[in-house]
Amino acid sequence: MTNLTPTGLRVTWYGHAAFKLEGSGHRVILDPYRSPDSGGYEPIDDSADVVVVSHENDRYHSHLGQIRPPFTVLRGLEFPPDGVEFGGVRFHAQRVFESPARRPEEAVTILDFTLGGVRVLFLGDLGHPLEPDQLAGLRGCDLALVPAGGPPTLALEDLRDLLVELKPRHVVPMHYLTPRINLKLQPLDVFLSLVRPLGWPIRHANGPSLIVPAPETNATSSTPPEIHILTHLR
């Protein structure tokens, strides 16, 4: 591993809810899907130092067989309250549910960690609004990776309201309808139509990757979140 100097974060979207994050000398893959069972997304076939899965769903969120070994696996549902450390990076998981019914068998997690000096919030398969005590420690993150396809995950109006509360600097939508996913989800335009009236900038990366700079020490900002649209790598 290299040093942990905060220099920013490279974010690459494979497709669906799968990302590769590179910063602090680490390569982190989140929620890898299984190809071709998840639809038309191609196998991830990439290397990582650590793979973090928000919950157990081998088809869409936790398949390890198409990632090049060796790598360490961290499972959000198994995290202790104070999180898990890997190479100087502490990953936190908060248990939530995949639908408003909040049935025990629908337990999933949202992930919270800082990499490359950038605080990341990964909402995974969150399916309901968060309670005030859950929101308290999540406001002001630098980057939010959010499910933007509506039910079975969070209703899009609720997602909009959650982002208003969280006030992230950057937002990357995921988990929405594309020609390569075999789930009944909403297309991205539905989510975008809800946030456009808020005046938030919508930026198209014209590729699968985005560089998120680390904020300056003690920096505060009243600027609105920026929505970044990535194209899937796979």
Protein backbone atom coordinates (compact mmCIF):
# COMPACT_ATOMS: atom_id res chain seq x y z
CA MET A 1 0.00 0.00 0.00
CA THR A 2 1.10 3.57 -0.60
CA ASN A 3 0.72 6.44 1.83
CA LEU A 4 -2.70 7.79 2.83
CA THR A 5 -2.19 11.39 1.71
CA PRO A 6 -5.62 12.85 0.80
CA THR A 7 -5.35 13.51 -2.93
CA GLY A 8 -8.87 12.84 -4.14
CA LEU A 9 -10.82 9.86 -5.33
CA ARG A 10 -11.27 8.20 -8.71
CA VAL A 11 -14.77 6.72 -9.08
CA THR A 12 -15.56 4.19 -11.83
CA TRP A 13 -19.05 2.77 -12.39
CA TYR A 14 -19.11 -0.78 -13.75
CA GLY A 15 -22.92 -0.86 -13.89
CA HIS A 16 -25.92 -1.36 -11.60
CA ALA A 17 -24.57 -0.76 -8.03
CA ALA A 18 -20.97 -1.84 -8.70
CA PHE A 19 -18.16 0.70 -8.42
CA LYS A 20 -14.40 0.82 -8.20
CA LEU A 21 -13.03 3.56 -5.95
CA GLU A 22 -9.32 4.40 -6.03
CA GLY A 23 -7.71 6.60 -3.40
CA SER A 24 -5.36 6.52 -0.40
CA GLY A 25 -3.34 3.89 -2.27
CA HIS A 26 -6.27 1.44 -2.24
CA ARG A 27 -8.59 -0.06 -4.85
CA VAL A 28 -12.05 -0.72 -3.44
CA ILE A 29 -14.84 -2.51 -5.31
CA LEU A 30 -18.40 -2.09 -4.03
CA ASP A 31 -21.36 -4.45 -4.56
CA PRO A 32 -20.21 -6.55 -7.54
CA TYR A 33 -22.95 -8.14 -9.66
CA ARG A 34 -22.89 -11.57 -11.36
CA SER A 35 -22.77 -11.62 -15.16
CA PRO A 36 -24.77 -12.63 -17.17
CA ASP A 37 -27.42 -13.41 -14.53
CA SER A 38 -27.93 -9.73 -13.70
CA GLY A 39 -28.70 -8.90 -17.33
CA GLY A 40 -26.36 -7.61 -20.03
CA TYR A 41 -23.60 -6.07 -17.92
CA GLU A 42 -20.30 -7.76 -18.73
CA PRO A 43 -18.16 -9.44 -16.04
CA ILE A 44 -16.29 -6.97 -13.86
CA ASP A 45 -13.00 -8.87 -14.38
CA ASP A 46 -10.91 -6.36 -12.46
CA SER A 47 -8.51 -6.30 -9.52
CA ALA A 48 -9.07 -4.85 -6.05
CA ASP A 49 -7.41 -4.70 -2.67
CA VAL A 50 -10.74 -4.97 -0.88
CA VAL A 51 -14.31 -5.80 -1.95
CA VAL A 52 -17.07 -4.41 0.26
CA VAL A 53 -20.62 -5.75 -0.06
CA SER A 54 -23.58 -3.94 1.46
CA HIS A 55 -25.65 -7.12 1.75
CA GLU A 56 -25.87 -10.67 0.49
CA ASN A 57 -27.36 -10.92 -3.00
CA ASP A 58 -25.08 -12.95 -5.24
CA ARG A 59 -26.83 -11.95 -8.47
CA TYR A 60 -26.82 -8.17 -8.02
CA HIS A 61 -24.63 -7.10 -5.09
CA SER A 62 -22.18 -9.64 -3.65
CA HIS A 63 -20.72 -11.88 -6.37
CA LEU A 64 -16.98 -12.41 -5.88
CA GLY A 65 -16.28 -14.92 -8.65
CA GLN A 66 -15.60 -12.37 -11.40
CA ILE A 67 -13.04 -10.27 -9.52
CA ARG A 68 -9.36 -11.09 -9.93
CA PRO A 69 -7.77 -12.43 -6.72
CA PRO A 70 -6.25 -11.83 -4.30
CA PHE A 71 -8.50 -9.43 -2.39
CA THR A 72 -10.00 -9.00 1.07
CA VAL A 73 -13.79 -9.21 1.51
CA LEU A 74 -15.71 -7.02 3.96
CA ARG A 75 -19.42 -7.73 4.50
CA GLY A 76 -21.48 -4.82 5.78
CA LEU A 77 -24.00 -6.98 7.60
CA GLU A 78 -21.16 -8.42 9.70
CA PHE A 79 -19.58 -5.11 10.76
CA PRO A 80 -19.34 -4.32 14.49
CA PRO A 81 -20.75 -0.96 15.64
CA ASP A 82 -17.39 0.79 15.31
CA GLY A 83 -16.81 -0.51 11.78
CA VAL A 84 -13.95 -2.44 10.20
CA GLU A 85 -10.50 -1.11 9.32
CA PHE A 86 -8.56 -2.05 6.20
CA GLY A 87 -5.18 -0.52 5.46
CA GLY A 88 -5.84 2.58 7.52
CA VAL A 89 -9.34 3.13 6.11
CA ARG A 90 -12.29 2.56 8.46
CA PHE A 91 -15.50 1.32 6.85
CA HIS A 92 -18.78 1.84 8.71
CA ALA A 93 -22.08 0.10 7.96
CA GLN A 94 -25.52 1.10 9.16
CA ARG A 95 -28.23 -1.57 9.05
CA VAL A 96 -31.32 -0.53 7.09
CA PHE A 97 -33.91 -2.39 4.99
CA GLU A 98 -34.74 -2.92 1.34
CA SER A 99 -38.39 -1.85 1.63
CA PRO A 100 -40.59 0.31 3.88
CA ALA A 101 -41.94 -2.90 5.47
CA ARG A 102 -38.54 -3.33 7.16
CA ARG A 103 -38.79 -7.10 7.37
CA PRO A 104 -35.78 -8.81 9.02
CA GLU A 105 -35.04 -10.82 5.89
CA GLU A 106 -34.71 -7.54 3.95
CA ALA A 107 -31.80 -6.24 6.04
CA VAL A 108 -29.17 -4.40 4.01
CA THR A 109 -26.60 -1.75 4.91
CA ILE A 110 -25.51 1.69 3.86
CA LEU A 111 -21.75 2.20 3.87
CA ASP A 112 -19.80 5.23 5.07
CA PHE A 113 -16.03 5.66 4.75
CA THR A 114 -13.32 8.14 3.78
CA LEU A 115 -10.92 7.32 0.95
CA GLY A 116 -8.44 9.73 -0.61
CA GLY A 117 -9.70 12.40 1.77
CA VAL A 118 -13.20 12.07 0.29
CA ARG A 119 -16.04 10.95 2.55
CA VAL A 120 -18.23 8.46 0.67
CA LEU A 121 -21.80 7.43 1.43
CA PHE A 122 -23.01 4.34 -0.45
CA LEU A 123 -26.77 3.90 -0.07
CA GLY A 124 -26.86 0.42 -1.63
CA ASP A 125 -30.37 -1.05 -1.62
CA LEU A 126 -31.85 1.38 0.91
CA GLY A 127 -35.63 1.13 0.58
CA HIS A 128 -37.07 3.59 3.11
CA PRO A 129 -36.51 7.10 4.52
CA LEU A 130 -33.92 7.37 7.28
CA GLU A 131 -34.80 8.25 10.86
CA PRO A 132 -33.42 11.49 12.36
CA ASP A 133 -30.86 9.61 14.46
CA GLN A 134 -29.66 7.78 11.34
CA LEU A 135 -29.31 11.03 9.41
CA ALA A 136 -27.38 12.82 12.12
CA GLY A 137 -23.99 11.31 11.38
CA LEU A 138 -24.30 11.27 7.60
CA ARG A 139 -24.84 14.92 6.68
CA GLY A 140 -22.20 16.73 4.69
CA CYS A 141 -20.58 13.76 2.96
CA ASP A 142 -18.46 14.55 -0.09
CA LEU A 143 -19.85 11.87 -2.40
CA ALA A 144 -23.18 10.04 -2.28
CA LEU A 145 -23.72 6.96 -4.48
CA VAL A 146 -27.50 6.65 -4.65
CA PRO A 147 -30.08 4.17 -6.03
CA ALA A 148 -31.99 6.24 -8.60
CA GLY A 149 -34.37 3.66 -10.07
CA GLY A 150 -37.12 3.82 -7.46
CA PRO A 151 -38.81 0.77 -5.89
CA PRO A 152 -37.85 -1.86 -4.88
CA THR A 153 -35.33 0.65 -3.46
CA LEU A 154 -36.09 4.12 -2.11
CA ALA A 155 -39.01 5.97 -3.72
CA LEU A 156 -37.58 8.75 -5.85
CA GLU A 157 -39.38 11.54 -4.00
CA ASP A 158 -37.91 10.17 -0.78
CA LEU A 159 -34.46 10.02 -2.37
CA ARG A 160 -34.74 13.66 -3.40
CA ASP A 161 -35.78 14.65 0.12
CA LEU A 162 -32.96 12.59 1.62
CA LEU A 163 -30.38 14.35 -0.54
CA VAL A 164 -31.78 17.72 0.51
CA GLU A 165 -31.15 16.63 4.10
CA LEU A 166 -27.72 15.10 3.51
CA LYS A 167 -26.31 17.97 1.41
CA PRO A 168 -23.51 15.97 -0.26
CA ARG A 169 -21.05 17.83 -2.49
CA HIS A 170 -21.35 15.28 -5.28
CA VAL A 171 -24.01 12.70 -6.21
CA VAL A 172 -23.60 9.74 -8.58
CA PRO A 173 -26.82 7.89 -9.47
CA MET A 174 -26.77 4.09 -9.78
CA HIS A 175 -29.23 1.17 -9.67
CA TYR A 176 -31.57 2.50 -12.37
CA LEU A 177 -33.01 1.13 -15.60
CA THR A 178 -30.56 0.64 -18.46
CA PRO A 179 -30.76 -1.75 -21.43
CA ARG A 180 -28.35 -4.03 -19.52
CA ILE A 181 -30.27 -4.65 -16.30
CA ASN A 182 -33.06 -7.24 -15.92
CA LEU A 183 -34.91 -5.50 -13.09
CA LYS A 184 -38.07 -3.40 -13.25
CA LEU A 185 -36.60 -0.01 -12.40
CA GLN A 186 -37.27 3.57 -13.45
CA PRO A 187 -35.02 5.23 -16.04
CA LEU A 188 -32.66 7.90 -14.77
CA ASP A 189 -34.68 10.73 -16.33
CA VAL A 190 -37.42 10.24 -13.73
CA PHE A 191 -35.00 11.03 -10.90
CA LEU A 192 -33.46 13.92 -12.82
CA SER A 193 -36.89 15.45 -13.40
CA LEU A 194 -37.35 15.62 -9.62
CA VAL A 195 -34.05 17.36 -8.88
CA ARG A 196 -33.97 19.81 -11.79
CA PRO A 197 -36.45 22.17 -10.06
CA LEU A 198 -33.97 22.39 -7.16
CA GLY A 199 -31.41 23.99 -9.46
CA TRP A 200 -28.73 21.39 -8.81
CA PRO A 201 -26.11 21.19 -11.58
CA ILE A 202 -26.32 18.00 -13.67
CA ARG A 203 -23.04 17.08 -15.31
CA HIS A 204 -22.43 14.30 -17.83
CA ALA A 205 -19.01 12.70 -17.45
CA ASN A 206 -19.13 11.21 -20.99
CA GLY A 207 -17.44 8.13 -19.62
CA PRO A 208 -17.47 5.68 -16.71
CA SER A 209 -15.16 7.61 -14.36
CA LEU A 210 -15.08 10.75 -12.26
CA ILE A 211 -12.35 12.38 -10.16
CA VAL A 212 -13.67 13.80 -6.88
CA PRO A 213 -11.16 16.18 -5.27
CA ALA A 214 -10.63 16.06 -1.55
CA PRO A 215 -12.11 19.12 0.17
CA GLU A 216 -9.79 21.65 1.75
CA THR A 217 -9.26 21.26 5.49
CA ASN A 218 -12.18 22.70 7.46
CA ALA A 219 -13.83 23.80 4.21
CA THR A 220 -17.53 24.55 4.28
CA SER A 221 -19.74 25.08 1.27
CA SER A 222 -23.24 26.33 0.67
CA THR A 223 -23.16 25.38 -3.00
CA PRO A 224 -25.78 22.85 -4.14
CA PRO A 225 -24.88 19.22 -4.81
CA GLU A 226 -23.58 18.36 -8.26
CA ILE A 227 -25.19 15.36 -9.98
CA HIS A 228 -22.70 13.40 -12.09
CA ILE A 229 -23.99 11.02 -14.77
CA LEU A 230 -21.56 8.22 -15.59
CA THR A 231 -21.79 5.67 -18.40
CA HIS A 232 -21.35 2.06 -17.32
CA LEU A 233 -17.90 0.59 -17.95
CA ARG A 234 -19.19 -2.95 -18.45
